[in-house]
C-alpha atoms as a PDB file:
ATOM      1  CA  MET A   1     -49.207 -57.452  39.604  1.00  0.00           C
ATOM      2  CA  ILE A   2     -48.464 -56.386  36.065  1.00  0.00           C
ATOM      3  CA  SER A   3     -48.848 -57.888  32.606  1.00  0.00           C
ATOM      4  CA  LYS A   4     -45.828 -59.201  30.711  1.00  0.00           C
ATOM      5  CA  SER A   5     -46.143 -56.611  27.961  1.00  0.00           C
ATOM      6  CA  VAL A   6     -46.409 -53.693  30.412  1.00  0.00           C
ATOM      7  CA  PHE A   7     -43.459 -55.031  32.415  1.00  0.00           C
ATOM      8  CA  ILE A   8     -41.347 -55.271  29.260  1.00  0.00           C
ATOM      9  CA  ASP A   9     -42.385 -51.769  28.131  1.00  0.00           C
ATOM     10  CA  VAL A  10     -41.498 -50.286  31.516  1.00  0.00           C
ATOM     11  CA  ALA A  11     -38.157 -52.124  31.630  1.00  0.00           C
ATOM     12  CA  LYS A  12     -37.248 -50.884  28.151  1.00  0.00           C
ATOM     13  CA  LYS A  13     -38.359 -47.277  28.781  1.00  0.00           C
ATOM     14  CA  ALA A  14     -36.412 -47.199  32.054  1.00  0.00           C
ATOM     15  CA  ASN A  15     -33.316 -48.404  30.148  1.00  0.00           C
ATOM     16  CA  MET A  16     -33.062 -51.391  32.476  1.00  0.00           C
ATOM     17  CA  VAL A  17     -32.596 -53.789  29.562  1.00  0.00           C
ATOM     18  CA  GLU A  18     -31.112 -53.690  26.098  1.00  0.00           C
ATOM     19  CA  LYS A  19     -32.555 -56.970  24.846  1.00  0.00           C
ATOM     20  CA  LYS A  20     -35.247 -57.301  22.212  1.00  0.00           C
ATOM     21  CA  GLU A  21     -38.843 -57.981  23.269  1.00  0.00           C
ATOM     22  CA  ARG A  22     -38.747 -61.628  22.209  1.00  0.00           C
ATOM     23  CA  ALA A  23     -35.641 -62.277  24.318  1.00  0.00           C
ATOM     24  CA  LEU A  24     -37.338 -60.698  27.320  1.00  0.00           C
ATOM     25  CA  TYR A  25     -40.400 -62.912  26.851  1.00  0.00           C
ATOM     26  CA  LYS A  26     -38.069 -65.933  26.740  1.00  0.00           C
ATOM     27  CA  ASN A  27     -36.398 -64.765  29.968  1.00  0.00           C
ATOM     28  CA  LEU A  28     -39.787 -64.442  31.656  1.00  0.00           C
ATOM     29  CA  GLU A  29     -40.704 -67.962  30.491  1.00  0.00           C
ATOM     30  CA  PHE A  30     -37.431 -69.239  31.969  1.00  0.00           C
ATOM     31  CA  LEU A  31     -38.250 -67.575  35.303  1.00  0.00           C
ATOM     32  CA  GLN A  32     -41.677 -69.220  35.203  1.00  0.00           C
ATOM     33  CA  LYS A  33     -40.102 -72.650  34.634  1.00  0.00           C
ATOM     34  CA  LYS A  34     -37.815 -72.029  37.612  1.00  0.00           C
ATOM     35  CA  LYS A  35     -40.950 -71.132  39.612  1.00  0.00           C
ATOM     36  CA  LEU A  36     -39.619 -67.681  40.492  1.00  0.00           C
ATOM     37  CA  ILE A  37     -42.550 -65.847  38.891  1.00  0.00           C
ATOM     38  CA  SER A  38     -46.127 -66.834  38.161  1.00  0.00           C
ATOM     39  CA  TYR A  39     -48.349 -65.668  35.346  1.00  0.00           C
ATOM     40  CA  ASN A  40     -52.038 -65.880  36.204  1.00  0.00           C
ATOM     41  CA  ASN A  41     -54.927 -63.936  34.677  1.00  0.00           C
ATOM     42  CA  LYS A  42     -52.464 -62.012  32.487  1.00  0.00           C
ATOM     43  CA  ASN A  43     -50.556 -60.750  35.512  1.00  0.00           C
ATOM     44  CA  LEU A  44     -46.958 -61.361  36.571  1.00  0.00           C
ATOM     45  CA  ALA A  45     -46.143 -61.901  40.228  1.00  0.00           C
ATOM     46  CA  LEU A  46     -43.217 -63.168  42.228  1.00  0.00           C
ATOM     47  CA  THR A  47     -43.757 -66.566  43.795  1.00  0.00           C
ATOM     48  CA  ILE A  48     -42.765 -67.214  47.405  1.00  0.00           C
ATOM     49  CA  LYS A  49     -39.529 -68.745  46.088  1.00  0.00           C
ATOM     50  CA  GLY A  50     -39.012 -65.687  43.861  1.00  0.00           C
ATOM     51  CA  LYS A  51     -39.592 -63.282  46.754  1.00  0.00           C
ATOM     52  CA  LYS A  52     -37.072 -65.124  48.933  1.00  0.00           C
ATOM     53  CA  LEU A  53     -34.460 -65.042  46.168  1.00  0.00           C
ATOM     54  CA  PHE A  54     -35.141 -61.349  45.492  1.00  0.00           C
ATOM     55  CA  GLU A  55     -34.755 -60.526  49.192  1.00  0.00           C
ATOM     56  CA  LYS A  56     -31.478 -62.467  49.354  1.00  0.00           C
ATOM     57  CA  VAL A  57     -30.037 -60.715  46.281  1.00  0.00           C
ATOM     58  CA  ASN A  58     -31.295 -57.348  47.517  1.00  0.00           C
ATOM     59  CA  GLU A  59     -29.674 -57.912  50.919  1.00  0.00           C
ATOM     60  CA  GLU A  60     -26.353 -58.796  49.280  1.00  0.00           C
ATOM     61  CA  LEU A  61     -26.395 -55.785  46.946  1.00  0.00           C
ATOM     62  CA  THR A  62     -27.676 -53.142  49.378  1.00  0.00           C
ATOM     63  CA  PRO A  63     -24.213 -52.301  50.779  1.00  0.00           C
ATOM     64  CA  TYR A  64     -22.948 -51.607  47.248  1.00  0.00           C
ATOM     65  CA  PHE A  65     -25.951 -49.406  46.471  1.00  0.00           C
ATOM     66  CA  ASN A  66     -25.374 -47.510  49.734  1.00  0.00           C
ATOM     67  CA  VAL A  67     -21.730 -46.845  48.843  1.00  0.00           C
ATOM     68  CA  SER A  68     -22.728 -45.751  45.354  1.00  0.00           C
ATOM     69  CA  ASP A  69     -25.325 -43.351  46.779  1.00  0.00           C
ATOM     70  CA  ALA A  70     -22.822 -41.939  49.274  1.00  0.00           C
ATOM     71  CA  LEU A  71     -20.275 -41.325  46.509  1.00  0.00           C
ATOM     72  CA  LYS A  72     -22.882 -39.529  44.424  1.00  0.00           C
ATOM     73  CA  LYS A  73     -23.804 -37.230  47.312  1.00  0.00           C
ATOM     74  CA  LYS A  74     -20.304 -36.233  48.376  1.00  0.00           C
ATOM     75  CA  ASP A  75     -16.931 -36.011  46.639  1.00  0.00           C
ATOM     76  CA  PRO A  76     -15.046 -39.260  47.412  1.00  0.00           C
ATOM     77  CA  LEU A  77     -11.807 -37.349  47.994  1.00  0.00           C
ATOM     78  CA  SER A  78     -13.412 -35.435  50.854  1.00  0.00           C
ATOM     79  CA  TYR A  79     -13.486 -38.636  52.923  1.00  0.00           C
ATOM     80  CA  SER A  80      -9.701 -38.940  53.040  1.00  0.00           C
ATOM     81  CA  LYS A  81      -6.953 -36.707  54.307  1.00  0.00           C
ATOM     82  CA  LYS A  82      -5.263 -34.761  51.575  1.00  0.00           C
ATOM     83  CA  ALA A  83      -1.739 -35.858  50.898  1.00  0.00           C
ATOM     84  CA  GLN A  84       0.912 -33.293  51.554  1.00  0.00           C
ATOM     85  CA  THR A  85       3.920 -33.032  49.364  1.00  0.00           C
ATOM     86  CA  VAL A  86       7.164 -32.290  51.164  1.00  0.00           C
ATOM     87  CA  PHE A  87      10.269 -31.318  49.221  1.00  0.00           C
ATOM     88  CA  ARG A  88      13.677 -32.090  50.671  1.00  0.00           C
ATOM     89  CA  LYS A  89      17.090 -31.008  49.513  1.00  0.00           C
ATOM     90  CA  ILE A  90      19.288 -33.886  48.581  1.00  0.00           C
END
């Protein structure tokens, strides 16, 4: 669990968001209304509904993250055969 202000500070310092603080607070309030996060004793936490949605989104995006990681580790052109140019007399 983490407080709203710490969460916003971390998100901004990690360059995860470009929005202003007030907009981020509004987004967190929206997530609370949708019952995806809870805010108790000054701590944010995912609700059961929020965890399920996070897991679903994570599962859908994981293949894309895996491809991105693979491309960062190895030159994408090394996965394919190099094209050969053949010149013919006409």
